[in-house]
């Protein structure tokens, strides 16, 4: 439900991290609950910079 809701949001005039959040919600480590407090940094390094949308 969260992915479906996030995918329908349209915000104009400001950058958002919705594409990043949608990507995170599909990550196997995240979905399996095997992440740590260091996971977000490792994830960003693996995927590159956070992609912002509008």
C-alpha atoms as a PDB file:
ATOM      1  CA  UNK A   1       0.000   0.000   0.000  1.00  0.00           C
ATOM      2  CA  UNK A   2       2.804   2.429   0.834  1.00  0.00           C
ATOM      3  CA  UNK A   3       4.532   1.980  -2.548  1.00  0.00           C
ATOM      4  CA  UNK A   4       1.251   2.446  -4.391  1.00  0.00           C
ATOM      5  CA  UNK A   5       0.478   5.625  -2.432  1.00  0.00           C
ATOM      6  CA  UNK A   6       3.966   7.106  -2.846  1.00  0.00           C
ATOM      7  CA  UNK A   7       3.908   6.411  -6.571  1.00  0.00           C
ATOM      8  CA  UNK A   8       0.746   8.505  -6.990  1.00  0.00           C
ATOM      9  CA  UNK A   9       1.993  11.624  -5.202  1.00  0.00           C
ATOM     10  CA  UNK A  10       2.751  14.609  -7.403  1.00  0.00           C
ATOM     11  CA  UNK A  11       4.399  17.604  -5.787  1.00  0.00           C
ATOM     12  CA  UNK A  12       5.272  20.605  -7.905  1.00  0.00           C
ATOM     13  CA  UNK A  13       7.807  23.288  -7.162  1.00  0.00           C
ATOM     14  CA  UNK A  14       9.942  21.388  -4.636  1.00  0.00           C
ATOM     15  CA  UNK A  15      12.242  18.418  -4.914  1.00  0.00           C
ATOM     16  CA  UNK A  16      11.261  15.284  -3.002  1.00  0.00           C
ATOM     17  CA  UNK A  17      12.931  11.998  -2.154  1.00  0.00           C
ATOM     18  CA  UNK A  18       9.922   9.925  -3.234  1.00  0.00           C
ATOM     19  CA  UNK A  19      11.872   8.059  -5.957  1.00  0.00           C
ATOM     20  CA  UNK A  20      14.477   7.162  -3.331  1.00  0.00           C
ATOM     21  CA  UNK A  21      11.804   5.959  -0.893  1.00  0.00           C
ATOM     22  CA  UNK A  22      10.190   3.809  -3.585  1.00  0.00           C
ATOM     23  CA  UNK A  23      13.591   2.290  -4.324  1.00  0.00           C
ATOM     24  CA  UNK A  24      14.235   1.591  -0.630  1.00  0.00           C
ATOM     25  CA  UNK A  25      10.848  -0.103  -0.312  1.00  0.00           C
ATOM     26  CA  UNK A  26      11.971  -2.591  -2.951  1.00  0.00           C
ATOM     27  CA  UNK A  27      15.391  -3.340  -1.458  1.00  0.00           C
ATOM     28  CA  UNK A  28      15.767  -6.947  -0.316  1.00  0.00           C
ATOM     29  CA  UNK A  29      17.843  -6.101   2.785  1.00  0.00           C
ATOM     30  CA  UNK A  30      15.286  -3.511   3.873  1.00  0.00           C
ATOM     31  CA  UNK A  31      12.319  -5.784   3.221  1.00  0.00           C
ATOM     32  CA  UNK A  32      13.953  -8.657   5.116  1.00  0.00           C
ATOM     33  CA  UNK A  33      14.581  -6.352   8.098  1.00  0.00           C
ATOM     34  CA  UNK A  34      18.319  -7.089   7.965  1.00  0.00           C
ATOM     35  CA  UNK A  35      19.418  -3.472   7.971  1.00  0.00           C
ATOM     36  CA  UNK A  36      21.446  -1.641  10.622  1.00  0.00           C
ATOM     37  CA  UNK A  37      21.900   2.010  11.467  1.00  0.00           C
ATOM     38  CA  UNK A  38      24.776   2.038   8.960  1.00  0.00           C
ATOM     39  CA  UNK A  39      22.573   0.572   6.219  1.00  0.00           C
ATOM     40  CA  UNK A  40      21.357   3.884   4.774  1.00  0.00           C
ATOM     41  CA  UNK A  41      24.930   5.081   4.136  1.00  0.00           C
ATOM     42  CA  UNK A  42      25.893   1.757   2.592  1.00  0.00           C
ATOM     43  CA  UNK A  43      22.725   1.810   0.501  1.00  0.00           C
ATOM     44  CA  UNK A  44      23.399   5.323  -0.776  1.00  0.00           C
ATOM     45  CA  UNK A  45      26.980   4.389  -1.671  1.00  0.00           C
ATOM     46  CA  UNK A  46      25.762   1.292  -3.501  1.00  0.00           C
ATOM     47  CA  UNK A  47      23.043   3.140  -5.431  1.00  0.00           C
ATOM     48  CA  UNK A  48      24.740   6.511  -5.818  1.00  0.00           C
ATOM     49  CA  UNK A  49      23.317   9.821  -4.740  1.00  0.00           C
ATOM     50  CA  UNK A  50      19.700  10.104  -3.680  1.00  0.00           C
ATOM     51  CA  UNK A  51      17.577  10.730  -6.743  1.00  0.00           C
ATOM     52  CA  UNK A  52      15.171  13.602  -6.232  1.00  0.00           C
ATOM     53  CA  UNK A  53      11.908  14.002  -8.074  1.00  0.00           C
ATOM     54  CA  UNK A  54       9.360  16.765  -8.305  1.00  0.00           C
END
